[in-house]
Amino acid sequence: MSAVSDALKDARTEYEQHLGACRQCRADAAPCAVAKHLWRLYNKARRDRLRAESA
């Protein structure tokens, strides 16, 4: 289960770092395509963690 938790933490960290570093994300109110993709990866990791906990 540690690998699942690590994946979730890594996905969240990558998303937050991108938001802080991306000029487009900082300038616009809407996230860029890369930020949306990273958010989808975070959501997938979150769902995987929930599945692992319920199993």
N, C-alpha and C. Protein backbone atom coordinates (compact mmCIF):
# COMPACT_ATOMS: atom_id res chain seq x y z
N MET A 1 0.82 -1.19 0.00
CA MET A 1 0.00 0.00 0.00
C MET A 1 0.86 1.26 0.00
N SER A 2 2.08 1.15 0.40
CA SER A 2 2.98 2.29 0.41
C SER A 2 3.20 2.85 -0.99
N ALA A 3 3.29 1.97 -1.98
CA ALA A 3 3.50 2.43 -3.35
C ALA A 3 2.31 3.23 -3.84
N VAL A 4 1.11 2.84 -3.45
CA VAL A 4 -0.09 3.57 -3.84
C VAL A 4 -0.10 4.95 -3.20
N SER A 5 0.25 5.02 -1.92
CA SER A 5 0.30 6.30 -1.22
C SER A 5 1.38 7.20 -1.80
N ASP A 6 2.52 6.59 -2.14
CA ASP A 6 3.60 7.37 -2.75
C ASP A 6 3.18 7.93 -4.10
N ALA A 7 2.46 7.14 -4.89
CA ALA A 7 1.99 7.61 -6.20
C ALA A 7 1.04 8.78 -6.03
N LEU A 8 0.17 8.71 -5.04
CA LEU A 8 -0.76 9.80 -4.79
C LEU A 8 -0.02 11.07 -4.37
N LYS A 9 0.92 10.92 -3.48
CA LYS A 9 1.70 12.06 -3.01
C LYS A 9 2.52 12.67 -4.16
N ASP A 10 3.14 11.82 -4.97
CA ASP A 10 3.93 12.30 -6.11
C ASP A 10 3.07 13.04 -7.12
N ALA A 11 1.89 12.51 -7.40
CA ALA A 11 1.00 13.15 -8.38
C ALA A 11 0.56 14.51 -7.87
N ARG A 12 0.24 14.61 -6.61
CA ARG A 12 -0.18 15.89 -6.03
C ARG A 12 0.97 16.90 -6.06
N THR A 13 2.16 16.44 -5.72
CA THR A 13 3.33 17.31 -5.71
C THR A 13 3.64 17.83 -7.11
N GLU A 14 3.59 16.95 -8.11
CA GLU A 14 3.84 17.37 -9.49
C GLU A 14 2.83 18.41 -9.94
N TYR A 15 1.57 18.21 -9.60
CA TYR A 15 0.53 19.17 -9.97
C TYR A 15 0.79 20.53 -9.32
N GLU A 16 1.05 20.53 -8.03
CA GLU A 16 1.28 21.79 -7.32
C GLU A 16 2.54 22.50 -7.83
N GLN A 17 3.60 21.74 -8.12
CA GLN A 17 4.81 22.36 -8.64
C GLN A 17 4.56 22.96 -10.02
N HIS A 18 3.78 22.28 -10.82
CA HIS A 18 3.47 22.81 -12.15
C HIS A 18 2.71 24.12 -12.03
N LEU A 19 1.70 24.15 -11.16
CA LEU A 19 0.92 25.38 -10.99
C LEU A 19 1.81 26.56 -10.57
N GLY A 20 2.81 26.27 -9.75
CA GLY A 20 3.70 27.33 -9.30
C GLY A 20 4.71 27.76 -10.35
N ALA A 21 5.07 26.86 -11.26
CA ALA A 21 6.11 27.16 -12.23
C ALA A 21 5.57 27.59 -13.60
N CYS A 22 4.35 27.22 -13.90
CA CYS A 22 3.80 27.48 -15.23
C CYS A 22 3.32 28.93 -15.34
N ARG A 23 3.85 29.62 -16.30
CA ARG A 23 3.48 31.02 -16.51
C ARG A 23 2.01 31.16 -16.89
N GLN A 24 1.54 30.25 -17.72
CA GLN A 24 0.15 30.31 -18.17
C GLN A 24 -0.82 30.05 -17.01
N CYS A 25 -0.51 29.08 -16.18
CA CYS A 25 -1.38 28.77 -15.04
C CYS A 25 -1.41 29.93 -14.05
N ARG A 26 -0.29 30.59 -13.86
CA ARG A 26 -0.26 31.71 -12.92
C ARG A 26 -0.97 32.93 -13.48
N ALA A 27 -0.88 33.15 -14.79
CA ALA A 27 -1.46 34.35 -15.40
C ALA A 27 -2.97 34.22 -15.61
N ASP A 28 -3.42 33.04 -15.98
CA ASP A 28 -4.83 32.83 -16.28
C ASP A 28 -5.56 32.26 -15.08
N ALA A 29 -6.85 32.45 -15.08
CA ALA A 29 -7.66 31.87 -14.01
C ALA A 29 -7.86 30.38 -14.24
N ALA A 30 -7.74 29.93 -15.49
CA ALA A 30 -7.95 28.51 -15.82
C ALA A 30 -6.60 27.81 -15.97
N PRO A 31 -6.52 26.56 -15.52
CA PRO A 31 -5.28 25.81 -15.68
C PRO A 31 -5.02 25.45 -17.14
N CYS A 32 -3.76 25.29 -17.49
CA CYS A 32 -3.39 24.90 -18.85
C CYS A 32 -3.64 23.42 -19.06
N ALA A 33 -3.42 22.95 -20.28
CA ALA A 33 -3.67 21.55 -20.62
C ALA A 33 -2.80 20.60 -19.81
N VAL A 34 -1.56 20.99 -19.56
CA VAL A 34 -0.67 20.13 -18.77
C VAL A 34 -1.18 20.01 -17.34
N ALA A 35 -1.63 21.11 -16.77
CA ALA A 35 -2.16 21.08 -15.41
C ALA A 35 -3.40 20.19 -15.35
N LYS A 36 -4.24 20.27 -16.35
CA LYS A 36 -5.43 19.40 -16.38
C LYS A 36 -5.03 17.93 -16.44
N HIS A 37 -4.02 17.64 -17.24
CA HIS A 37 -3.54 16.25 -17.35
C HIS A 37 -2.97 15.78 -16.00
N LEU A 38 -2.17 16.62 -15.36
CA LEU A 38 -1.60 16.25 -14.07
C LEU A 38 -2.70 16.05 -13.02
N TRP A 39 -3.76 16.86 -13.10
CA TRP A 39 -4.87 16.72 -12.17
C TRP A 39 -5.59 15.40 -12.39
N ARG A 40 -5.73 15.00 -13.66
CA ARG A 40 -6.34 13.70 -13.97
C ARG A 40 -5.49 12.56 -13.41
N LEU A 41 -4.18 12.67 -13.52
CA LEU A 41 -3.29 11.65 -12.95
C LEU A 41 -3.44 11.58 -11.43
N TYR A 42 -3.58 12.75 -10.80
CA TYR A 42 -3.79 12.79 -9.35
C TYR A 42 -5.11 12.10 -8.98
N ASN A 43 -6.17 12.40 -9.73
CA ASN A 43 -7.46 11.77 -9.45
C ASN A 43 -7.40 10.26 -9.63
N LYS A 44 -6.68 9.81 -10.65
CA LYS A 44 -6.53 8.37 -10.87
C LYS A 44 -5.79 7.73 -9.70
N ALA A 45 -4.72 8.36 -9.23
CA ALA A 45 -3.97 7.84 -8.09
C ALA A 45 -4.84 7.83 -6.84
N ARG A 46 -5.67 8.84 -6.68
CA ARG A 46 -6.58 8.89 -5.52
C ARG A 46 -7.59 7.75 -5.57
N ARG A 47 -8.15 7.50 -6.74
CA ARG A 47 -9.09 6.38 -6.89
C ARG A 47 -8.40 5.04 -6.63
N ASP A 48 -7.18 4.90 -7.13
CA ASP A 48 -6.43 3.66 -6.89
C ASP A 48 -6.19 3.45 -5.39
N ARG A 49 -5.91 4.53 -4.69
CA ARG A 49 -5.69 4.42 -3.24
C ARG A 49 -6.98 4.01 -2.53
N LEU A 50 -8.09 4.59 -2.93
CA LEU A 50 -9.36 4.23 -2.32
C LEU A 50 -9.70 2.77 -2.57
N ARG A 51 -9.42 2.30 -3.78
CA ARG A 51 -9.66 0.89 -4.09
C ARG A 51 -8.77 -0.03 -3.26
N ALA A 52 -7.52 0.38 -3.09
CA ALA A 52 -6.58 -0.44 -2.31
C ALA A 52 -6.98 -0.49 -0.84
N GLU A 53 -7.51 0.61 -0.33
CA GLU A 53 -7.93 0.64 1.08
C GLU A 53 -9.18 -0.19 1.30
N SER A 54 -10.07 -0.23 0.32
CA SER A 54 -11.31 -0.96 0.51
C SER A 54 -11.14 -2.46 0.25
N ALA A 55 -10.05 -2.84 -0.37
CA ALA A 55 -9.83 -4.28 -0.67
C ALA A 55 -9.33 -5.04 0.53
